[in-house]
Protein backbone atom coordinates (compact mmCIF):
# COMPACT_ATOMS: atom_id res chain seq x y z
CA MET A 1 19.41 3.47 -38.79
CA SER A 2 19.07 6.40 -35.95
CA THR A 3 20.07 10.27 -36.09
CA LEU A 4 22.00 11.61 -33.16
CA PHE A 5 19.76 14.23 -31.36
CA GLY A 6 21.51 16.51 -28.79
CA PRO A 7 20.15 19.50 -27.26
CA GLU A 8 17.68 21.08 -29.23
CA ARG A 9 18.76 24.57 -29.11
CA LEU A 10 22.15 24.90 -27.66
CA ALA A 11 23.26 28.16 -26.13
CA GLY A 12 25.68 27.45 -23.35
CA GLN A 13 23.67 24.84 -21.17
CA GLY A 14 25.55 22.01 -19.67
CA LEU A 15 29.59 22.21 -20.28
CA ASP A 16 31.30 24.01 -22.70
CA PRO A 17 34.67 22.41 -23.34
CA ASP A 18 36.43 25.37 -21.55
CA GLN A 19 34.53 24.02 -18.88
CA GLU A 20 36.00 20.71 -18.08
CA GLU A 21 37.81 21.17 -15.18
CA SER A 22 35.75 23.68 -13.36
CA GLY A 23 32.75 21.41 -14.26
CA ASN A 24 34.23 18.34 -12.89
CA ARG A 25 35.62 19.85 -9.78
CA ALA A 26 32.49 21.12 -9.20
CA ILE A 27 30.51 17.73 -9.65
CA TYR A 28 33.00 16.46 -7.22
CA ALA A 29 32.42 18.96 -4.24
CA LEU A 30 28.59 18.71 -4.49
CA LEU A 31 29.00 14.63 -4.14
CA THR A 32 31.58 14.80 -1.73
CA ASP A 33 31.37 18.32 0.47
CA PRO A 34 30.37 17.59 4.32
CA GLY A 35 27.62 20.49 3.39
CA THR A 36 26.14 19.36 0.42
CA GLY A 37 27.11 15.41 -0.26
CA ASP A 38 24.82 13.95 1.83
CA LYS A 39 22.00 16.22 0.48
CA VAL A 40 22.60 15.42 -3.45
CA ASP A 41 21.46 12.23 -5.28
CA LEU A 42 22.37 13.00 -9.11
CA VAL A 43 24.57 15.72 -11.02
CA LEU A 44 23.42 15.97 -14.32
CA THR A 45 24.32 17.73 -17.35
CA TRP A 46 24.98 17.39 -20.78
CA ARG A 47 28.64 17.73 -21.84
CA GLY A 48 29.84 17.80 -25.57
CA ASP A 49 32.60 16.49 -27.20
CA ALA A 50 34.13 15.75 -30.99
CA GLU A 51 31.84 12.84 -30.84
CA GLY A 52 28.65 14.83 -30.63
CA GLY A 53 28.39 15.26 -26.72
CA ALA A 54 26.59 13.17 -24.02
CA TYR A 55 24.22 13.62 -21.01
CA GLU A 56 25.67 12.63 -17.42
CA ALA A 57 24.12 11.27 -14.31
CA TRP A 58 26.84 11.44 -11.63
CA SER A 59 26.32 10.57 -7.90
CA SER A 60 28.36 8.44 -4.96
CA ARG A 61 26.87 5.06 -6.70
CA GLY A 62 28.19 5.62 -10.02
CA MET A 63 28.42 7.52 -13.22
CA LEU A 64 25.86 7.19 -16.58
CA ARG A 65 26.67 8.60 -19.60
CA PHE A 66 24.11 8.18 -22.72
CA ARG A 67 22.91 9.54 -25.96
CA ARG A 68 19.77 10.61 -27.29
CA SER A 69 19.19 9.97 -31.28
CA LEU A 70 15.93 9.70 -33.45
CA ASP A 71 15.13 6.19 -34.65
CA ALA A 72 14.08 5.79 -38.80
CA ASP A 73 10.29 6.36 -37.22
CA GLY A 74 10.70 9.03 -35.33
CA ALA A 75 11.08 8.05 -31.72
CA PHE A 76 13.58 8.61 -29.01
CA ALA A 77 15.98 6.44 -28.28
CA PHE A 78 18.75 5.99 -25.98
CA GLU A 79 21.73 4.74 -25.57
CA VAL A 80 23.92 3.57 -22.91
CA LEU A 81 27.63 4.96 -23.90
CA GLU A 82 29.73 4.24 -20.21
CA VAL A 83 28.31 3.59 -16.51
CA VAL A 84 31.45 3.70 -13.86
CA GLY A 85 30.02 1.68 -10.87
CA GLU A 86 26.37 1.82 -10.92
CA ASN A 87 24.02 3.36 -13.04
CA PRO A 88 22.17 5.53 -10.99
CA VAL A 89 19.35 6.06 -12.60
CA GLY A 90 19.08 2.32 -14.01
CA GLU A 91 16.25 0.94 -12.38
CA GLN A 92 13.22 2.96 -13.87
CA ASP A 93 10.26 0.38 -12.78
CA VAL A 94 7.04 3.15 -13.49
CA PHE A 95 4.89 0.93 -10.78
CA ALA A 96 7.82 1.15 -7.55
CA LEU A 97 6.67 2.44 -4.76
CA GLY A 98 3.06 1.90 -5.47
CA SER A 99 1.89 1.44 -1.87
CA GLN A 100 2.49 2.47 1.57
CA GLU A 101 3.89 -0.81 2.58
CA GLU A 102 5.90 -0.82 -0.11
CA GLU A 103 7.24 2.45 0.87
CA ARG A 104 7.40 1.43 4.44
CA ALA A 105 9.65 -1.37 3.18
CA ALA A 106 11.96 0.55 1.15
CA ALA A 107 12.64 2.99 4.12
CA ARG A 108 13.26 0.30 6.47
CA ALA A 109 15.81 -1.23 4.00
CA GLY A 110 17.78 2.26 3.92
CA GLY A 111 17.60 2.32 7.73
CA PHE A 112 14.40 5.13 8.48
CA ASP A 113 11.79 4.63 10.31
CA ALA A 114 8.83 3.38 8.45
CA ASP A 115 6.14 3.60 11.22
CA ASP A 116 6.99 7.67 11.17
CA PRO A 117 5.73 9.14 8.70
CA THR A 118 7.58 12.24 8.82
CA LYS A 119 10.79 10.33 8.59
CA ARG A 120 10.10 7.82 6.27
CA PHE A 121 12.06 8.77 3.88
CA ILE A 122 13.70 6.41 0.87
CA ALA A 123 17.38 5.98 -0.20
CA PRO A 124 18.07 6.67 -3.67
CA ALA A 125 19.38 2.35 -3.42
CA GLN A 126 15.76 2.04 -2.83
CA GLN A 127 14.32 4.36 -5.50
CA SER A 128 13.35 4.43 -9.19
CA TYR A 129 13.73 7.00 -11.84
CA PRO A 130 10.72 6.42 -14.34
CA PHE A 131 11.31 7.70 -17.52
CA ALA A 132 14.43 9.39 -16.37
CA TYR A 133 16.30 9.69 -19.98
CA GLU A 134 13.98 11.29 -21.48
CA ARG A 135 13.05 13.81 -18.45
CA ILE A 136 17.25 14.48 -18.42
CA ALA A 137 17.23 15.07 -21.78
CA GLN A 138 14.23 17.24 -22.27
CA LEU A 139 15.86 19.97 -19.61
CA PHE A 140 18.71 20.55 -21.48
CA ASP A 141 16.95 21.31 -24.89
CA SER A 142 16.57 24.58 -23.61
CA PRO A 143 18.74 28.05 -23.33
CA ASN A 144 17.41 28.40 -19.91
CA ALA A 145 18.61 25.20 -18.60
CA PRO A 146 21.93 25.27 -16.23
CA ASP A 147 25.61 23.91 -16.77
CA LEU A 148 24.34 21.64 -13.82
CA ALA A 149 21.33 20.19 -12.47
CA VAL A 150 20.81 18.55 -9.20
CA SER A 151 18.44 16.07 -8.10
CA PRO A 152 18.56 16.17 -4.19
CA VAL A 153 17.85 12.61 -2.03
CA ASP A 154 14.69 12.20 -0.56
CA TRP A 155 15.05 13.97 2.92
CA ALA A 156 16.62 17.08 1.38
CA GLN A 157 16.09 20.03 -0.80
CA GLY A 158 17.76 23.31 -0.03
CA PRO A 159 17.25 23.92 3.81
CA TYR A 160 13.69 21.86 3.98
CA ALA A 161 13.33 18.03 4.95
CA GLY A 162 11.46 16.15 2.61
CA ASN A 163 10.20 18.53 -0.14
CA HIS A 164 10.04 18.04 -4.01
CA GLY A 165 12.29 18.49 -6.98
CA ALA A 166 13.91 15.14 -7.39
CA LEU A 167 13.78 13.38 -10.44
CA HIS A 168 12.85 10.18 -8.26
CA VAL A 169 9.33 8.37 -8.07
CA ARG A 170 8.68 9.35 -4.70
CA GLN A 171 8.38 12.97 -5.71
CA SER A 172 7.69 12.81 -9.18
CA ARG A 173 4.24 10.59 -9.27
CA ALA A 174 1.25 12.11 -8.70
CA PRO A 175 -2.28 10.13 -8.76
CA LEU A 176 -3.85 10.32 -12.21
CA TRP A 177 -7.75 10.01 -12.79
CA LEU A 178 -9.83 10.38 -15.62
CA ALA A 179 -13.14 10.68 -16.22
CA GLY A 180 -16.29 11.01 -18.09
CA PRO A 181 -17.14 11.07 -21.81
CA GLY A 182 -14.95 8.59 -23.73
CA VAL A 183 -13.12 7.31 -21.02
CA ARG A 184 -12.63 3.62 -20.21
CA PRO A 185 -13.33 3.31 -16.35
CA GLY A 186 -11.36 1.07 -14.59
CA ARG A 187 -8.03 0.38 -13.32
CA HIS A 188 -5.01 0.66 -15.57
CA PRO A 189 -1.74 -1.16 -15.68
CA LEU A 190 -0.38 2.15 -17.10
CA ALA A 191 1.88 5.19 -16.21
CA ALA A 192 1.18 8.00 -17.84
CA ARG A 193 3.70 11.16 -17.73
CA SER A 194 2.79 14.36 -17.31
CA VAL A 195 2.84 15.99 -21.12
CA ASP A 196 0.72 13.41 -21.67
CA ILE A 197 -2.65 14.96 -19.96
CA ALA A 198 -3.27 18.01 -21.95
CA PRO A 199 -3.06 15.80 -25.43
CA THR A 200 -5.28 13.39 -23.73
CA ILE A 201 -8.35 15.81 -22.80
CA LEU A 202 -8.01 17.49 -25.83
CA ALA A 203 -8.71 14.03 -27.79
CA ALA A 204 -11.32 13.31 -25.57
CA CYS A 205 -13.09 16.70 -26.56
CA GLY A 206 -12.51 16.03 -29.83
CA PHE A 207 -10.40 18.40 -31.35
CA PRO A 208 -8.57 17.63 -34.90
CA ALA A 209 -4.80 16.55 -35.90
CA ILE A 210 -2.67 20.02 -36.67
CA ASP A 211 0.61 19.95 -38.44
CA GLY A 212 2.15 20.83 -35.14
CA ALA A 213 5.61 19.49 -34.02
CA ASP A 214 6.57 16.90 -32.15
CA HIS A 215 8.86 15.60 -29.45
CA SER A 216 11.56 16.30 -31.99
CA GLY A 217 10.35 19.75 -32.38
CA ARG A 218 9.38 19.05 -36.06
CA SER A 219 6.16 19.80 -37.51
CA ALA A 220 4.18 17.30 -39.33
CA SER A 221 5.00 18.56 -42.65
CA GLU A 222 8.47 18.91 -42.03
CA ARG A 223 8.51 15.25 -40.82
CA GLY A 224 6.61 14.01 -44.22
CA VAL A 225 3.84 12.74 -42.44
CA SER A 226 0.08 13.91 -42.18
CA PRO A 227 -1.11 16.31 -38.89
CA ASP A 228 -0.57 14.33 -35.92
CA VAL A 229 -0.74 16.13 -32.80
CA LEU A 230 -3.50 18.66 -31.44
CA LEU A 231 -1.36 21.24 -29.93
CA LYS A 232 1.42 23.47 -31.53
CA ARG A 233 4.07 21.73 -29.63
CA GLN A 234 3.32 18.23 -28.20
CA ASP A 235 5.88 15.86 -26.44
CA GLY A 236 3.30 13.81 -25.16
CA ARG A 237 0.55 11.70 -26.94
CA PRO A 238 -3.22 11.13 -26.07
CA LEU A 239 -3.82 7.74 -23.65
CA ASP A 240 -5.58 5.57 -26.20
CA GLU A 241 -5.43 2.58 -23.52
CA VAL A 242 -7.98 4.70 -21.69
CA LEU A 243 -9.88 6.10 -23.97
CA ASP A 244 -12.64 5.23 -26.36
CA ARG A 245 -12.10 7.09 -29.74
CA ASP A 246 -15.69 6.17 -31.20
CA ALA A 247 -17.71 7.64 -28.26
CA THR A 248 -19.38 11.25 -28.34
CA PRO A 249 -16.75 13.85 -27.49
CA ALA A 250 -16.90 15.56 -24.34
CA VAL A 251 -18.41 19.20 -24.95
CA ARG A 252 -16.44 20.51 -21.58
CA ALA A 253 -13.31 19.36 -19.81
CA TYR A 254 -12.59 20.10 -15.93
CA LEU A 255 -8.95 19.83 -14.75
CA PHE A 256 -8.16 19.50 -11.19
CA LEU A 257 -4.99 19.87 -10.40
CA LEU A 258 -3.61 19.31 -6.55
CA ASP A 259 -0.37 20.30 -6.31
CA GLY A 260 2.62 17.86 -4.22
CA LEU A 261 -0.37 15.57 -3.77
CA HIS A 262 1.41 11.90 -2.86
CA MET A 263 -0.30 9.39 -4.81
CA THR A 264 0.23 6.34 -1.86
CA GLU A 265 -1.16 8.94 0.52
CA LEU A 266 -4.51 9.72 -1.26
CA GLU A 267 -5.14 5.91 -1.66
CA SER A 268 -4.16 4.66 1.98
CA ARG A 269 -6.38 8.07 3.58
CA LEU A 270 -9.82 6.70 1.05
CA ALA A 271 -8.88 2.94 2.20
CA GLU A 272 -8.68 4.08 5.68
CA GLU A 273 -11.15 7.12 5.87
CA PRO A 274 -13.49 6.69 3.48
CA GLU A 275 -16.46 8.72 5.04
CA ARG A 276 -14.51 11.59 5.21
CA TYR A 277 -14.04 11.47 1.44
CA PRO A 278 -17.32 10.61 -0.44
CA ASN A 279 -17.07 12.81 -3.69
CA LEU A 280 -13.58 11.90 -4.20
CA LEU A 281 -14.70 8.20 -4.10
CA ARG A 282 -17.53 8.78 -6.39
CA LEU A 283 -15.09 10.23 -8.28
CA ARG A 284 -12.74 7.46 -8.12
CA GLU A 285 -15.85 4.70 -9.08
CA GLN A 286 -16.42 6.43 -12.34
CA ALA A 287 -12.59 7.19 -13.45
CA ALA A 288 -9.95 5.50 -15.23
CA VAL A 289 -7.37 4.76 -12.69
CA LEU A 290 -3.63 4.80 -13.87
CA ALA A 291 -1.71 2.26 -11.58
CA GLY A 292 1.59 4.33 -12.63
CA GLY A 293 0.14 7.57 -12.05
CA SER A 294 1.15 10.81 -13.55
CA ILE A 295 5.24 10.88 -13.87
CA VAL A 296 5.59 14.54 -13.31
CA ASN A 297 8.51 17.07 -15.15
CA PHE A 298 11.81 17.68 -13.70
CA PRO A 299 12.61 19.53 -11.90
CA SER A 300 9.67 17.83 -9.82
CA ILE A 301 8.62 21.33 -8.87
CA THR A 302 5.30 23.85 -9.02
CA TRP A 303 6.09 26.33 -12.01
CA PRO A 304 7.77 24.33 -14.48
CA SER A 305 5.65 20.81 -13.72
CA HIS A 306 2.15 23.20 -13.98
CA THR A 307 3.51 24.52 -17.13
CA SER A 308 4.36 21.06 -18.70
CA ILE A 309 1.05 20.02 -18.09
CA GLY A 310 -0.70 23.16 -19.33
CA THR A 311 1.16 23.18 -22.41
CA GLY A 312 1.79 19.13 -22.97
CA SER A 313 5.37 20.12 -23.76
CA TRP A 314 8.55 19.36 -21.04
CA CYS A 315 10.04 22.64 -19.54
CA GLY A 316 13.09 22.36 -21.94
CA HIS A 317 10.41 23.26 -25.04
CA HIS A 318 8.21 25.63 -22.94
CA ASP A 319 11.69 27.32 -21.36
CA VAL A 320 9.98 27.80 -17.33
CA VAL A 321 13.00 25.24 -15.94
CA ASN A 322 12.56 26.06 -12.64
CA PRO A 323 11.21 28.38 -10.14
CA SER A 324 14.61 30.24 -10.43
CA TYR A 325 16.58 30.19 -13.34
CA TYR A 326 19.58 32.31 -15.48
CA LEU A 327 18.55 34.00 -18.64
CA ARG A 328 21.95 34.12 -20.78
CA GLU A 329 21.05 36.14 -23.47
CA LYS A 330 19.57 39.01 -20.85
CA ARG A 331 22.72 37.67 -17.83
CA GLU A 332 19.66 38.02 -15.22
CA THR A 333 17.88 35.76 -13.30
CA VAL A 334 14.34 35.19 -13.12
CA SER A 335 11.78 33.66 -10.75
CA PRO A 336 8.15 33.09 -11.76
CA GLN A 337 7.71 30.80 -8.63
CA GLY A 338 9.18 33.84 -6.44
CA GLN A 339 6.97 36.46 -8.51
CA GLN A 340 3.79 34.03 -8.21
CA VAL A 341 1.57 36.85 -10.35
CA LYS A 342 1.99 37.43 -14.14
CA THR A 343 4.08 35.01 -15.07
CA GLU A 344 2.60 33.78 -17.92
CA GLY A 345 4.57 35.34 -20.14
CA PHE A 346 8.00 33.75 -19.08
CA SER A 347 6.53 30.29 -21.25
CA SER A 348 7.47 30.29 -24.48
CA GLU A 349 5.92 31.02 -27.87
CA ARG A 350 6.92 27.85 -29.33
CA VAL A 351 4.46 25.79 -27.23
CA GLU A 352 0.50 26.58 -27.16
CA SER A 353 -1.26 26.23 -24.21
CA ILE A 354 -4.67 24.31 -23.34
CA TYR A 355 -6.24 27.27 -22.85
CA GLU A 356 -5.37 28.79 -26.43
CA ALA A 357 -5.83 25.74 -28.01
CA PHE A 358 -9.76 25.45 -27.29
CA ARG A 359 -9.97 29.26 -28.05
CA ARG A 360 -8.67 27.81 -31.61
CA VAL A 361 -11.16 24.95 -31.92
CA ARG A 362 -13.71 26.62 -29.97
CA GLY A 363 -13.44 29.74 -31.33
CA LYS A 364 -14.42 32.76 -29.68
CA ASP A 365 -17.71 32.01 -27.62
CA SER A 366 -15.53 29.03 -25.61
CA LEU A 367 -14.95 30.07 -22.05
CA THR A 368 -11.60 29.09 -20.33
CA ALA A 369 -10.41 29.61 -16.95
CA ALA A 370 -7.47 29.16 -14.74
CA ILE A 371 -8.49 29.39 -11.33
CA TYR A 372 -5.52 30.28 -9.18
CA ALA A 373 -3.41 28.12 -11.45
CA PRO A 374 0.40 28.89 -11.96
CA PHE A 375 -0.23 28.40 -15.48
CA GLY A 376 -2.97 30.06 -17.46
CA ARG A 377 -1.78 31.75 -20.55
CA GLY A 378 -4.40 32.40 -23.08
CA ALA A 379 -7.16 31.36 -20.38
CA ASP A 380 -10.13 34.07 -20.28
CA HIS A 381 -10.25 33.90 -16.33
CA ALA A 382 -6.65 34.05 -15.02
CA ALA A 383 -6.91 34.90 -11.40
CA LEU A 384 -3.09 35.21 -11.01
CA GLU A 385 -2.93 36.84 -14.38
CA ASP A 386 -4.83 39.89 -12.93
CA ARG A 387 -7.81 38.67 -15.51
CA ASN A 388 -10.52 38.22 -13.50
CA LEU A 389 -14.67 37.48 -14.67
CA CYS A 390 -16.05 37.17 -10.99
CA GLU A 391 -18.51 39.53 -9.78
CA ARG A 392 -15.79 40.15 -6.43
CA PRO A 393 -18.55 40.81 -4.26
CA ARG A 394 -20.32 38.06 -4.89
CA LEU A 395 -17.36 35.54 -5.25
CA LYS A 396 -16.32 36.92 -1.50
CA ALA A 397 -19.31 35.84 -0.22
CA LEU A 398 -19.95 32.37 -1.56
CA THR A 399 -16.25 32.27 -0.29
CA ALA A 400 -17.12 32.68 3.15
CA GLU A 401 -20.32 30.37 3.02
CA LEU A 402 -18.91 27.57 1.40
């Protein structure tokens, strides 16, 4: 038996009944207007109705309606209610386009130049949309979510060619390596979600389970189970496939986040120019390398995604839903990514940062640092939050030297 599970905090996001006509007109215009039609892959929304509402994905290829529910065991289930034409996110292979050879073939099939990296775009028909139902639904859990969300085609995002932010795998996958105590090295036939990274780090460090909320937003005690998460709100899970829970826990954790690093590009460089990257190669030899990488938040763009990695929660739960977004209760638009500094306050107190978790478990003697990280809430050192533990003259000298 399952329970219907729509938007977690419904407060105007998606399409209300009084937006039926205007919403339909907007969707049609986005997909057909000469100024936008060739740039828009998907238009996404949640629409309420007398039967409990549904999530929708519209494209020029077809339309999908689906529902999210909670199974008896507490897992999310997704039921397809209607497909007109083609299910635009039906292809969800987490390993698709896993090499440059596959990308070249897909680009060629879509009519693009497979040999020119600057024009090697991939059309929607050759894309995959990993974890699409979950990533669409989570966005509309936040009151800060939009009425309509647009996912661009591979070659268009605003005025730029080949930018990021989309739901498809080409703009959603990053390489993910884990190395150190308690990690099983080797290549693993696995794809993670970015919300799995923080719980995996905390598990490797031997953190205890707490009575926090899981992906449903309910604490363990509310679910009638023993403490089973490592963060105050945890949408992800520890990647036990690559962990040895019997190993001595790690004392320290280092998370290197290379914004926008494309997995197939990295693997190609390491194969073709190994002498240029000796440190990366040495690290990879010691690491658990995920064949499917890490699939990031949707929208797959900096501030929402970095905050998801730093909290183990989707943007629909930490509430930083886009570089810029509208706060309905205040009737104002905020822009964390445009502001750049002093942005940690935009994230919801319902979630816990990895830095706050270290302070909670390791105590006041622990030291955490967010070094030019877009999200650093709770870190002792967070340069973008104006918390700097460094000796500035020495730092400048070392920067010049190194």
